[in-house]
Amino acid sequence: MSTKKAFDQALKDVKKLSDLSNDQLLQLYGLYKQATEGDVRGPKPGMLDLKGKAKYEAWTKQKGKSAEKAMEAYVALVKKLSS
């Protein structure tokens, strides 16, 4: 299966997961954004925007990772969380 097809399947599978921690959700978010949009851009949210800041930082942690590598990491994480 190609990386893109596996990623698309993981996007469907992740919706079936429950009881994910905030850290797991942020990790998934960061990998998804890196895979679909590339490196983070735009201003960092202000310190009062805790949710926005956490999402921005999760995406920043994936900086420099290629779309393909981010997709592979996303698929691997979804498989790990599914088991």
N, C-alpha and C. Protein backbone atom coordinates (compact mmCIF):
# COMPACT_ATOMS: atom_id res chain seq x y z
N MET A 1 0.86 -1.18 0.00
CA MET A 1 0.00 0.00 0.00
C MET A 1 0.90 1.24 0.00
N SER A 2 0.54 2.21 -0.81
CA SER A 2 1.34 3.43 -0.87
C SER A 2 1.20 4.22 0.43
N THR A 3 2.16 5.09 0.67
CA THR A 3 2.13 5.90 1.88
C THR A 3 0.87 6.76 1.94
N LYS A 4 0.49 7.35 0.82
CA LYS A 4 -0.70 8.21 0.77
C LYS A 4 -1.97 7.42 1.08
N LYS A 5 -2.07 6.21 0.52
CA LYS A 5 -3.26 5.38 0.80
C LYS A 5 -3.29 4.96 2.26
N ALA A 6 -2.14 4.60 2.81
CA ALA A 6 -2.07 4.21 4.22
C ALA A 6 -2.44 5.40 5.11
N PHE A 7 -1.99 6.60 4.73
CA PHE A 7 -2.31 7.81 5.47
C PHE A 7 -3.82 8.08 5.42
N ASP A 8 -4.41 7.96 4.24
CA ASP A 8 -5.85 8.16 4.11
C ASP A 8 -6.64 7.17 4.96
N GLN A 9 -6.17 5.93 5.00
CA GLN A 9 -6.84 4.92 5.83
C GLN A 9 -6.67 5.25 7.31
N ALA A 10 -5.49 5.71 7.70
CA ALA A 10 -5.25 6.09 9.10
C ALA A 10 -6.15 7.25 9.51
N LEU A 11 -6.41 8.17 8.59
CA LEU A 11 -7.32 9.28 8.88
C LEU A 11 -8.73 8.78 9.19
N LYS A 12 -9.13 7.72 8.53
CA LYS A 12 -10.44 7.11 8.81
C LYS A 12 -10.39 6.34 10.13
N ASP A 13 -9.30 5.60 10.34
CA ASP A 13 -9.18 4.78 11.54
C ASP A 13 -9.09 5.61 12.82
N VAL A 14 -8.47 6.78 12.74
CA VAL A 14 -8.28 7.59 13.94
C VAL A 14 -9.63 8.04 14.51
N LYS A 15 -10.63 8.15 13.67
CA LYS A 15 -11.95 8.57 14.14
C LYS A 15 -12.60 7.52 15.02
N LYS A 16 -12.12 6.29 14.94
CA LYS A 16 -12.67 5.19 15.74
C LYS A 16 -12.03 5.09 17.11
N LEU A 17 -10.92 5.83 17.31
CA LEU A 17 -10.21 5.76 18.57
C LEU A 17 -10.91 6.61 19.62
N SER A 18 -10.87 6.13 20.84
CA SER A 18 -11.44 6.90 21.94
C SER A 18 -10.44 6.91 23.09
N ASP A 19 -10.69 7.74 24.06
CA ASP A 19 -9.85 7.84 25.25
C ASP A 19 -8.40 8.20 24.92
N LEU A 20 -8.21 9.11 23.99
CA LEU A 20 -6.86 9.58 23.68
C LEU A 20 -6.51 10.72 24.64
N SER A 21 -5.27 10.74 25.07
CA SER A 21 -4.81 11.81 25.94
C SER A 21 -4.57 13.07 25.11
N ASN A 22 -4.46 14.19 25.79
CA ASN A 22 -4.16 15.44 25.09
C ASN A 22 -2.83 15.35 24.36
N ASP A 23 -1.84 14.71 24.97
CA ASP A 23 -0.53 14.56 24.33
C ASP A 23 -0.64 13.76 23.04
N GLN A 24 -1.42 12.70 23.06
CA GLN A 24 -1.60 11.88 21.86
C GLN A 24 -2.33 12.67 20.77
N LEU A 25 -3.35 13.42 21.16
CA LEU A 25 -4.09 14.24 20.20
C LEU A 25 -3.18 15.31 19.59
N LEU A 26 -2.35 15.92 20.40
CA LEU A 26 -1.44 16.94 19.89
C LEU A 26 -0.39 16.34 18.97
N GLN A 27 0.08 15.15 19.31
CA GLN A 27 1.05 14.48 18.44
C GLN A 27 0.43 14.17 17.08
N LEU A 28 -0.79 13.66 17.10
CA LEU A 28 -1.51 13.39 15.85
C LEU A 28 -1.72 14.67 15.06
N TYR A 29 -2.09 15.73 15.74
CA TYR A 29 -2.32 17.02 15.08
C TYR A 29 -1.04 17.53 14.40
N GLY A 30 0.06 17.50 15.14
CA GLY A 30 1.33 17.98 14.59
C GLY A 30 1.76 17.20 13.36
N LEU A 31 1.62 15.88 13.42
CA LEU A 31 1.99 15.04 12.27
C LEU A 31 1.06 15.29 11.10
N TYR A 32 -0.22 15.44 11.37
CA TYR A 32 -1.19 15.71 10.30
C TYR A 32 -0.87 17.02 9.59
N LYS A 33 -0.65 18.07 10.37
CA LYS A 33 -0.36 19.37 9.79
C LYS A 33 0.94 19.34 8.98
N GLN A 34 1.96 18.66 9.49
CA GLN A 34 3.23 18.57 8.79
C GLN A 34 3.05 17.80 7.48
N ALA A 35 2.25 16.75 7.52
CA ALA A 35 2.03 15.93 6.33
C ALA A 35 1.23 16.68 5.27
N THR A 36 0.30 17.50 5.70
CA THR A 36 -0.60 18.15 4.74
C THR A 36 -0.19 19.58 4.37
N GLU A 37 0.54 20.27 5.25
CA GLU A 37 0.87 21.67 4.98
C GLU A 37 2.36 22.00 5.04
N GLY A 38 3.18 21.08 5.53
CA GLY A 38 4.60 21.35 5.63
C GLY A 38 4.94 22.07 6.92
N ASP A 39 6.11 22.70 6.94
CA ASP A 39 6.58 23.36 8.16
C ASP A 39 5.62 24.44 8.63
N VAL A 40 5.59 24.59 9.95
CA VAL A 40 4.72 25.58 10.58
C VAL A 40 5.08 26.98 10.08
N ARG A 41 4.06 27.80 9.95
CA ARG A 41 4.27 29.18 9.53
C ARG A 41 3.23 30.07 10.22
N GLY A 42 3.47 31.34 10.18
CA GLY A 42 2.57 32.26 10.84
C GLY A 42 3.03 32.57 12.24
N PRO A 43 2.45 33.58 12.84
CA PRO A 43 2.85 33.97 14.19
C PRO A 43 2.39 32.96 15.24
N LYS A 44 3.21 32.83 16.28
CA LYS A 44 2.85 31.96 17.39
C LYS A 44 1.70 32.60 18.16
N PRO A 45 0.69 31.80 18.52
CA PRO A 45 -0.44 32.35 19.29
C PRO A 45 0.04 32.96 20.62
N GLY A 46 -0.70 33.92 21.09
CA GLY A 46 -0.37 34.58 22.35
C GLY A 46 -0.47 33.64 23.54
N MET A 47 0.10 34.07 24.67
CA MET A 47 0.16 33.20 25.83
C MET A 47 -1.20 32.95 26.46
N LEU A 48 -2.20 33.75 26.14
CA LEU A 48 -3.54 33.51 26.67
C LEU A 48 -4.32 32.49 25.84
N ASP A 49 -3.84 32.21 24.64
CA ASP A 49 -4.46 31.21 23.77
C ASP A 49 -3.76 29.87 24.01
N LEU A 50 -4.10 29.23 25.10
CA LEU A 50 -3.40 28.00 25.50
C LEU A 50 -3.58 26.87 24.48
N LYS A 51 -4.80 26.71 23.98
CA LYS A 51 -5.06 25.65 23.02
C LYS A 51 -4.30 25.90 21.71
N GLY A 52 -4.39 27.11 21.21
CA GLY A 52 -3.69 27.47 19.98
C GLY A 52 -2.18 27.33 20.12
N LYS A 53 -1.67 27.74 21.26
CA LYS A 53 -0.23 27.65 21.52
C LYS A 53 0.22 26.19 21.56
N ALA A 54 -0.56 25.33 22.20
CA ALA A 54 -0.21 23.90 22.28
C ALA A 54 -0.21 23.27 20.90
N LYS A 55 -1.18 23.62 20.07
CA LYS A 55 -1.25 23.08 18.71
C LYS A 55 -0.08 23.58 17.87
N TYR A 56 0.24 24.85 18.00
CA TYR A 56 1.36 25.44 17.27
C TYR A 56 2.67 24.73 17.66
N GLU A 57 2.86 24.51 18.95
CA GLU A 57 4.08 23.84 19.42
C GLU A 57 4.15 22.39 18.97
N ALA A 58 3.00 21.71 18.94
CA ALA A 58 2.98 20.32 18.46
C ALA A 58 3.39 20.25 17.00
N TRP A 59 2.95 21.21 16.22
CA TRP A 59 3.30 21.27 14.79
C TRP A 59 4.78 21.63 14.64
N THR A 60 5.26 22.57 15.46
CA THR A 60 6.65 23.00 15.41
C THR A 60 7.60 21.83 15.67
N LYS A 61 7.21 20.90 16.53
CA LYS A 61 8.06 19.74 16.84
C LYS A 61 8.32 18.87 15.61
N GLN A 62 7.49 18.98 14.60
CA GLN A 62 7.63 18.16 13.39
C GLN A 62 8.39 18.90 12.28
N LYS A 63 8.84 20.11 12.57
CA LYS A 63 9.50 20.96 11.57
C LYS A 63 10.67 20.23 10.91
N GLY A 64 10.74 20.36 9.60
CA GLY A 64 11.83 19.76 8.83
C GLY A 64 11.53 18.35 8.33
N LYS A 65 10.48 17.75 8.84
CA LYS A 65 10.10 16.40 8.43
C LYS A 65 9.37 16.49 7.09
N SER A 66 9.73 15.63 6.15
CA SER A 66 9.07 15.63 4.85
C SER A 66 7.62 15.17 5.01
N ALA A 67 6.81 15.50 4.03
CA ALA A 67 5.40 15.09 4.06
C ALA A 67 5.30 13.57 4.14
N GLU A 68 6.13 12.88 3.38
CA GLU A 68 6.11 11.42 3.37
C GLU A 68 6.46 10.84 4.75
N LYS A 69 7.51 11.39 5.37
CA LYS A 69 7.92 10.91 6.70
C LYS A 69 6.84 11.21 7.74
N ALA A 70 6.21 12.38 7.63
CA ALA A 70 5.14 12.73 8.57
C ALA A 70 3.95 11.79 8.40
N MET A 71 3.63 11.45 7.15
CA MET A 71 2.53 10.50 6.89
C MET A 71 2.87 9.13 7.49
N GLU A 72 4.10 8.68 7.28
CA GLU A 72 4.52 7.38 7.83
C GLU A 72 4.43 7.39 9.35
N ALA A 73 4.86 8.47 9.98
CA ALA A 73 4.82 8.57 11.44
C ALA A 73 3.37 8.61 11.93
N TYR A 74 2.50 9.29 11.20
CA TYR A 74 1.08 9.36 11.56
C TYR A 74 0.46 7.96 11.50
N VAL A 75 0.73 7.25 10.41
CA VAL A 75 0.18 5.89 10.25
C VAL A 75 0.68 4.99 11.37
N ALA A 76 1.97 5.07 11.67
CA ALA A 76 2.54 4.24 12.74
C ALA A 76 1.91 4.56 14.10
N LEU A 77 1.70 5.84 14.37
CA LEU A 77 1.09 6.24 15.64
C LEU A 77 -0.35 5.74 15.74
N VAL A 78 -1.11 5.87 14.67
CA VAL A 78 -2.50 5.39 14.69
C VAL A 78 -2.53 3.88 14.92
N LYS A 79 -1.63 3.15 14.26
CA LYS A 79 -1.57 1.69 14.47
C LYS A 79 -1.24 1.36 15.92
N LYS A 80 -0.30 2.11 16.48
CA LYS A 80 0.10 1.88 17.88
C LYS A 80 -1.07 2.17 18.81
N LEU A 81 -1.77 3.25 18.58
CA LEU A 81 -2.90 3.62 19.45
C LEU A 81 -4.10 2.69 19.28
N SER A 82 -4.19 2.04 18.12
CA SER A 82 -5.30 1.12 17.84
C SER A 82 -5.14 -0.22 18.52
N SER A 83 -3.91 -0.57 18.84
CA SER A 83 -3.67 -1.91 19.42
C SER A 83 -3.75 -1.92 20.92
